[in-house]
Amino acid sequence: MRKTNFILPIIVIVIAAVMSSLFIVDEREKALVLQFGQIKAIKEEPGLAFKIPIIQEVVRYDDRILSLDTPSIEVTPSDDRRLVVDAFARYRIADVVRFRQAVGVGGLRAAEDRLGSILTTQTRAVLGSEGVTSSTILSSDRAALMVRIRELSQARATALGLDVLDVRLKQTNLPEQNLDATFARMRAEREREAADEIARGEEAAQRVRATADRTVVELVSEAKREAEITRGEADAERNAIFAEAFGQNEEFFEFYRSLTAYERSLLGNNSTMVLSPDSEFFNYLRSDQPGAAVQ
């Protein structure tokens, strides 16, 4: 009984020692085995690993791709139009030993503080370099600028054991104090463009109206000319018909013309005419019988 009581604590201690010497490395992380702050082993492959209980400890670091948002900063491109930009980066811990040596017990928080400072510095340097204007930053050329920021940041981040995979500019805005002036300038430019368009439209309308007026004058003139020609031809044809009819029977033609003259002149609404009864106008109204009255 005494022997059992003595063995059981030993077994518990052994089991506890074995359990404390085992640890599992997840596939999403890397681990360092430290002994009194010194790196004794690097565990980068997932699986079961061992350490000396109590003396050694395990520090784990995330092996996934991480993201970091930088605070908004104000930059001044070469055209002196200040902009407020903020960026984010994708990075991962590439060298876990160098990472531990660089940040110590500060871990990921300390690393992100230093990486954020690097990104801010390089963003200012690239966006404020010669030849980079605000138009360049706001255009599709910003992709090349982001590549330059990533490359310069990577050169500095290597000392931290980090690999900067990508850098993106999230927002690019004007400072608050410059917005009103910028909007006023944009409004003035749009109004000037609108005035130019209106002037060009008026000029085009004047050309169209002038062309239409000229076309109307030409058409009316042509129509009048053709009408005069047609009228002249009709008059000529009418006169030819009258001449032919007069030539066939001069007496009948004279009689017809007299009747037409009587019809037009002896209407009730005509003015009063005073003529001699012996006038040639009444030749066909006289009677050959004596004593007959003129009707």
Protein backbone atom coordinates (compact mmCIF):
# COMPACT_ATOMS: atom_id res chain seq x y z
CA MET A 1 0.00 0.00 0.00
CA ARG A 2 2.83 2.36 0.88
CA LYS A 3 4.61 1.39 -2.35
CA THR A 4 1.50 2.22 -4.40
CA ASN A 5 1.14 5.56 -2.72
CA PHE A 6 4.74 6.32 -3.61
CA ILE A 7 4.51 5.20 -7.26
CA LEU A 8 1.31 7.04 -8.15
CA PRO A 9 2.74 10.56 -7.62
CA ILE A 10 5.79 9.59 -9.64
CA ILE A 11 3.60 8.37 -12.51
CA VAL A 12 1.56 11.58 -12.42
CA ILE A 13 4.74 13.65 -12.46
CA VAL A 14 6.15 11.66 -15.39
CA ILE A 15 2.90 11.97 -17.34
CA ALA A 16 2.78 15.70 -16.64
CA ALA A 17 6.41 16.08 -17.71
CA VAL A 18 5.76 14.16 -20.95
CA MET A 19 2.62 16.16 -21.69
CA SER A 20 4.40 19.45 -21.02
CA SER A 21 7.24 18.44 -23.34
CA LEU A 22 4.87 17.86 -26.27
CA PHE A 23 3.33 20.60 -28.37
CA ILE A 24 1.56 20.74 -31.73
CA VAL A 25 2.51 23.10 -34.52
CA ASP A 26 -0.52 24.12 -36.56
CA GLU A 27 -0.21 24.38 -40.35
CA ARG A 28 -1.16 28.08 -40.09
CA GLU A 29 1.76 28.99 -37.85
CA LYS A 30 5.46 28.75 -37.16
CA ALA A 31 7.00 28.13 -33.76
CA LEU A 32 10.27 28.83 -31.98
CA VAL A 33 11.55 26.87 -29.03
CA LEU A 34 13.28 29.27 -26.62
CA GLN A 35 15.52 28.51 -23.72
CA PHE A 36 16.22 31.45 -21.44
CA GLY A 37 15.37 33.75 -24.35
CA GLN A 38 17.70 32.02 -26.78
CA ILE A 39 16.37 30.23 -29.89
CA LYS A 40 17.00 26.51 -29.60
CA ALA A 41 14.75 25.10 -32.32
CA ILE A 42 12.65 26.26 -35.27
CA LYS A 43 9.41 24.45 -36.02
CA GLU A 44 8.03 25.46 -39.43
CA GLU A 45 6.43 22.15 -40.40
CA PRO A 46 3.03 21.24 -38.94
CA GLY A 47 2.91 18.29 -36.55
CA LEU A 48 3.99 17.09 -33.12
CA ALA A 49 7.18 18.53 -31.59
CA PHE A 50 9.10 18.29 -28.32
CA LYS A 51 10.68 20.65 -25.84
CA ILE A 52 12.27 20.43 -22.44
CA PRO A 53 9.61 21.08 -19.81
CA ILE A 54 9.94 24.15 -17.59
CA ILE A 55 13.31 25.16 -19.10
CA GLN A 56 12.10 25.74 -22.63
CA GLU A 57 9.09 27.63 -23.93
CA VAL A 58 7.30 27.80 -27.28
CA VAL A 59 6.53 31.07 -29.08
CA ARG A 60 4.11 30.86 -31.99
CA TYR A 61 3.81 33.22 -34.95
CA ASP A 62 1.13 33.40 -37.61
CA ASP A 63 2.29 32.01 -40.96
CA ARG A 64 -0.68 33.33 -42.96
CA ILE A 65 -0.82 36.43 -45.16
CA LEU A 66 -1.61 39.36 -42.88
CA SER A 67 -2.94 42.82 -43.62
CA LEU A 68 -1.98 46.20 -42.23
CA ASP A 69 -3.82 49.50 -42.68
CA THR A 70 -1.72 52.63 -42.49
CA PRO A 71 -3.08 55.90 -41.05
CA SER A 72 -3.99 58.71 -43.45
CA ILE A 73 -1.05 60.92 -44.37
CA GLU A 74 -0.75 64.15 -46.34
CA VAL A 75 1.58 64.14 -49.33
CA THR A 76 2.65 66.93 -51.68
CA PRO A 77 3.26 65.80 -55.30
CA SER A 78 5.48 67.76 -57.67
CA ASP A 79 2.59 70.00 -58.80
CA ASP A 80 2.12 71.21 -55.17
CA ARG A 81 -1.47 69.99 -54.95
CA ARG A 82 -1.62 68.36 -51.55
CA LEU A 83 -3.43 65.04 -51.19
CA VAL A 84 -4.50 62.90 -48.26
CA VAL A 85 -3.85 59.20 -48.88
CA ASP A 86 -4.08 56.03 -46.89
CA ALA A 87 -2.83 52.60 -47.86
CA PHE A 88 -2.89 49.00 -46.80
CA ALA A 89 -0.33 46.25 -47.19
CA ARG A 90 -0.35 42.48 -47.40
CA TYR A 91 2.61 40.83 -45.74
CA ARG A 92 3.76 37.66 -44.06
CA ILE A 93 6.51 36.54 -41.68
CA ALA A 94 9.13 35.10 -44.02
CA ASP A 95 12.06 34.59 -41.62
CA VAL A 96 10.80 33.75 -38.15
CA VAL A 97 14.29 33.85 -36.59
CA ARG A 98 15.07 37.31 -37.92
CA PHE A 99 11.57 38.39 -36.96
CA ARG A 100 12.16 37.31 -33.34
CA GLN A 101 15.55 38.98 -33.23
CA ALA A 102 14.12 42.23 -34.66
CA VAL A 103 11.00 42.63 -32.52
CA GLY A 104 11.86 40.55 -29.46
CA VAL A 105 9.00 40.05 -27.08
CA GLY A 106 7.00 42.81 -28.78
CA GLY A 107 5.73 40.29 -31.28
CA LEU A 108 3.38 41.13 -34.09
CA ARG A 109 2.24 44.46 -32.62
CA ALA A 110 5.79 45.82 -32.54
CA ALA A 111 6.42 44.52 -36.06
CA GLU A 112 3.30 46.22 -37.44
CA ASP A 113 4.27 49.50 -35.81
CA ARG A 114 7.65 49.40 -37.50
CA LEU A 115 6.22 48.18 -40.81
CA GLY A 116 3.61 50.94 -40.73
CA SER A 117 6.35 53.51 -40.25
CA ILE A 118 8.24 52.04 -43.21
CA LEU A 119 5.14 52.15 -45.45
CA THR A 120 4.37 55.74 -44.46
CA THR A 121 7.93 56.86 -45.17
CA GLN A 122 8.11 55.15 -48.55
CA THR A 123 4.65 56.38 -49.55
CA ARG A 124 5.72 59.96 -48.87
CA ALA A 125 8.99 59.42 -50.75
CA VAL A 126 7.38 57.91 -53.86
CA LEU A 127 4.34 60.20 -54.12
CA GLY A 128 6.44 63.26 -53.45
CA SER A 129 9.22 62.37 -55.89
CA GLU A 130 10.00 64.40 -59.00
CA GLY A 131 7.69 63.82 -61.94
CA VAL A 132 4.83 62.47 -59.83
CA THR A 133 1.83 64.81 -60.00
CA SER A 134 -1.60 64.63 -58.45
CA SER A 135 -2.97 63.63 -61.87
CA THR A 136 -0.54 60.70 -61.95
CA ILE A 137 -1.66 59.56 -58.51
CA LEU A 138 -5.34 59.79 -59.47
CA SER A 139 -4.91 58.03 -62.83
CA SER A 140 -4.23 54.43 -63.79
CA ASP A 141 -0.49 55.17 -63.45
CA ARG A 142 -0.89 54.81 -59.69
CA ALA A 143 -0.40 51.05 -60.15
CA ALA A 144 3.26 51.64 -61.02
CA LEU A 145 3.59 53.92 -57.99
CA MET A 146 2.21 51.21 -55.70
CA VAL A 147 4.77 48.75 -57.09
CA ARG A 148 7.56 51.21 -56.31
CA ILE A 149 6.24 51.67 -52.75
CA ARG A 150 6.13 47.90 -52.26
CA GLU A 151 9.67 47.40 -53.56
CA LEU A 152 11.14 50.12 -51.37
CA SER A 153 9.18 48.89 -48.35
CA GLN A 154 10.31 45.32 -48.97
CA ALA A 155 13.95 46.41 -48.94
CA ARG A 156 13.43 47.83 -45.44
CA ALA A 157 11.10 45.10 -44.17
CA THR A 158 13.62 42.32 -44.90
CA ALA A 159 15.50 43.36 -41.77
CA LEU A 160 12.33 42.58 -39.80
CA GLY A 161 12.00 39.13 -41.34
CA LEU A 162 8.89 40.24 -43.23
CA ASP A 163 7.91 39.80 -46.84
CA VAL A 164 5.74 42.65 -48.20
CA LEU A 165 3.54 41.05 -50.83
CA ASP A 166 1.40 43.98 -51.94
CA VAL A 167 0.73 47.64 -51.22
CA ARG A 168 -2.46 49.43 -52.29
CA LEU A 169 -3.61 53.02 -52.02
CA LYS A 170 -7.13 52.83 -50.63
CA GLN A 171 -8.24 56.45 -50.82
CA THR A 172 -6.83 59.60 -52.32
CA ASN A 173 -8.60 62.76 -51.22
CA LEU A 174 -7.99 66.46 -51.09
CA PRO A 175 -7.40 68.12 -47.73
CA GLU A 176 -10.56 69.54 -46.23
CA GLN A 177 -9.34 73.12 -46.54
CA ASN A 178 -8.72 72.69 -50.28
CA LEU A 179 -12.04 71.11 -51.20
CA ASP A 180 -14.02 74.34 -51.62
CA ALA A 181 -11.37 75.94 -53.81
CA THR A 182 -11.06 72.78 -55.89
CA PHE A 183 -14.82 72.45 -56.33
CA ALA A 184 -15.05 76.13 -57.34
CA ARG A 185 -12.29 75.65 -59.91
CA MET A 186 -13.97 72.52 -61.25
CA ARG A 187 -17.31 74.36 -61.44
CA ALA A 188 -15.69 77.27 -63.33
CA GLU A 189 -14.06 74.87 -65.78
CA ARG A 190 -17.36 73.07 -66.40
CA GLU A 191 -19.18 76.38 -66.89
CA ARG A 192 -16.51 77.51 -69.37
CA GLU A 193 -16.83 74.24 -71.27
CA ALA A 194 -20.62 74.62 -71.27
CA ALA A 195 -20.32 78.19 -72.61
CA ASP A 196 -17.97 76.97 -75.35
CA GLU A 197 -20.42 74.23 -76.29
CA ILE A 198 -23.32 76.70 -76.37
CA ALA A 199 -21.32 79.08 -78.56
CA ARG A 200 -20.39 76.29 -80.94
CA GLY A 201 -24.03 75.20 -81.03
CA GLU A 202 -25.20 78.73 -81.81
CA GLU A 203 -22.62 79.01 -84.57
CA ALA A 204 -23.74 75.71 -86.07
CA ALA A 205 -27.39 76.79 -85.81
CA GLN A 206 -26.61 80.04 -87.63
CA ARG A 207 -24.91 78.10 -90.41
CA VAL A 208 -27.90 75.76 -90.69
CA ARG A 209 -30.37 78.66 -90.72
CA ALA A 210 -28.34 80.54 -93.34
CA THR A 211 -28.18 77.44 -95.51
CA ALA A 212 -31.92 76.90 -95.10
CA ASP A 213 -32.73 80.53 -95.94
CA ARG A 214 -30.54 80.40 -99.01
CA THR A 215 -32.18 77.16 -100.06
CA VAL A 216 -35.65 78.70 -99.59
CA VAL A 217 -34.71 81.73 -101.71
CA GLU A 218 -33.28 79.50 -104.41
CA LEU A 219 -36.34 77.24 -104.43
CA VAL A 220 -38.80 80.15 -104.48
CA SER A 221 -36.83 81.87 -107.24
CA GLU A 222 -36.70 78.66 -109.25
CA ALA A 223 -40.42 78.10 -108.71
CA LYS A 224 -41.26 81.66 -109.81
CA ARG A 225 -39.06 81.30 -112.86
CA GLU A 226 -40.75 78.04 -113.83
CA ALA A 227 -44.18 79.60 -113.13
CA GLU A 228 -43.38 82.59 -115.37
CA ILE A 229 -42.18 80.25 -118.08
CA THR A 230 -45.33 78.16 -117.76
CA ARG A 231 -47.52 81.28 -117.69
CA GLY A 232 -45.78 82.67 -120.76
CA GLU A 233 -46.15 79.41 -122.62
CA ALA A 234 -49.85 79.29 -121.65
CA ASP A 235 -50.39 82.87 -122.79
CA ALA A 236 -48.62 82.14 -126.02
CA GLU A 237 -50.73 79.04 -126.55
CA ARG A 238 -53.91 80.97 -125.70
CA ASN A 239 -52.99 83.76 -128.12
CA ALA A 240 -52.19 81.20 -130.77
CA ILE A 241 -55.62 79.62 -130.27
CA PHE A 242 -57.32 83.02 -130.46
CA ALA A 243 -55.34 83.93 -133.55
CA GLU A 244 -56.24 80.66 -135.21
CA ALA A 245 -59.91 81.08 -134.31
CA PHE A 246 -59.87 84.71 -135.56
CA GLY A 247 -58.29 83.62 -138.78
CA GLN A 248 -60.98 81.02 -139.41
CA ASN A 249 -63.99 83.40 -138.95
CA GLU A 250 -63.18 87.03 -138.33
CA GLU A 251 -66.82 88.13 -138.10
CA PHE A 252 -67.72 85.50 -135.49
CA PHE A 253 -64.64 86.30 -133.51
CA GLU A 254 -65.55 90.00 -133.52
CA PHE A 255 -69.09 89.14 -132.48
CA TYR A 256 -67.78 86.92 -129.62
CA ARG A 257 -65.46 89.60 -128.36
CA SER A 258 -68.27 92.18 -128.39
CA LEU A 259 -70.54 89.89 -126.38
CA THR A 260 -67.78 89.38 -123.86
CA ALA A 261 -67.33 93.15 -123.60
CA TYR A 262 -71.10 93.64 -123.14
CA GLU A 263 -71.18 91.01 -120.40
CA ARG A 264 -68.34 92.60 -118.43
CA SER A 265 -69.45 96.22 -118.86
CA LEU A 266 -73.25 96.04 -118.47
CA LEU A 267 -73.29 94.55 -114.96
CA GLY A 268 -75.38 96.14 -112.24
CA ASN A 269 -72.43 97.03 -110.01
CA ASN A 270 -70.44 98.77 -112.73
CA SER A 271 -69.96 102.51 -112.83
CA THR A 272 -72.22 104.58 -115.09
CA MET A 273 -71.05 104.94 -118.69
CA VAL A 274 -72.19 107.72 -121.01
CA LEU A 275 -71.82 106.73 -124.67
CA SER A 276 -73.32 107.91 -127.94
CA PRO A 277 -75.92 105.52 -129.42
CA ASP A 278 -73.98 105.66 -132.64
CA SER A 279 -70.84 104.36 -130.95
CA GLU A 280 -69.22 101.30 -132.47
CA PHE A 281 -69.54 99.68 -129.09
CA PHE A 282 -73.25 99.11 -129.75
CA ASN A 283 -72.92 97.72 -133.25
CA TYR A 284 -74.40 94.34 -132.30
CA LEU A 285 -77.15 95.90 -130.15
CA ARG A 286 -78.71 97.93 -132.98
CA SER A 287 -81.78 96.63 -134.85
CA ASP A 288 -82.12 96.79 -138.65
CA GLN A 289 -85.91 97.37 -138.32
CA PRO A 290 -87.06 101.01 -138.17
CA GLY A 291 -88.46 102.17 -134.88
CA ALA A 292 -86.92 99.33 -132.84
CA ALA A 293 -85.57 100.41 -129.49
CA VAL A 294 -82.14 99.53 -128.26
CA GLN A 295 -82.40 97.06 -125.34
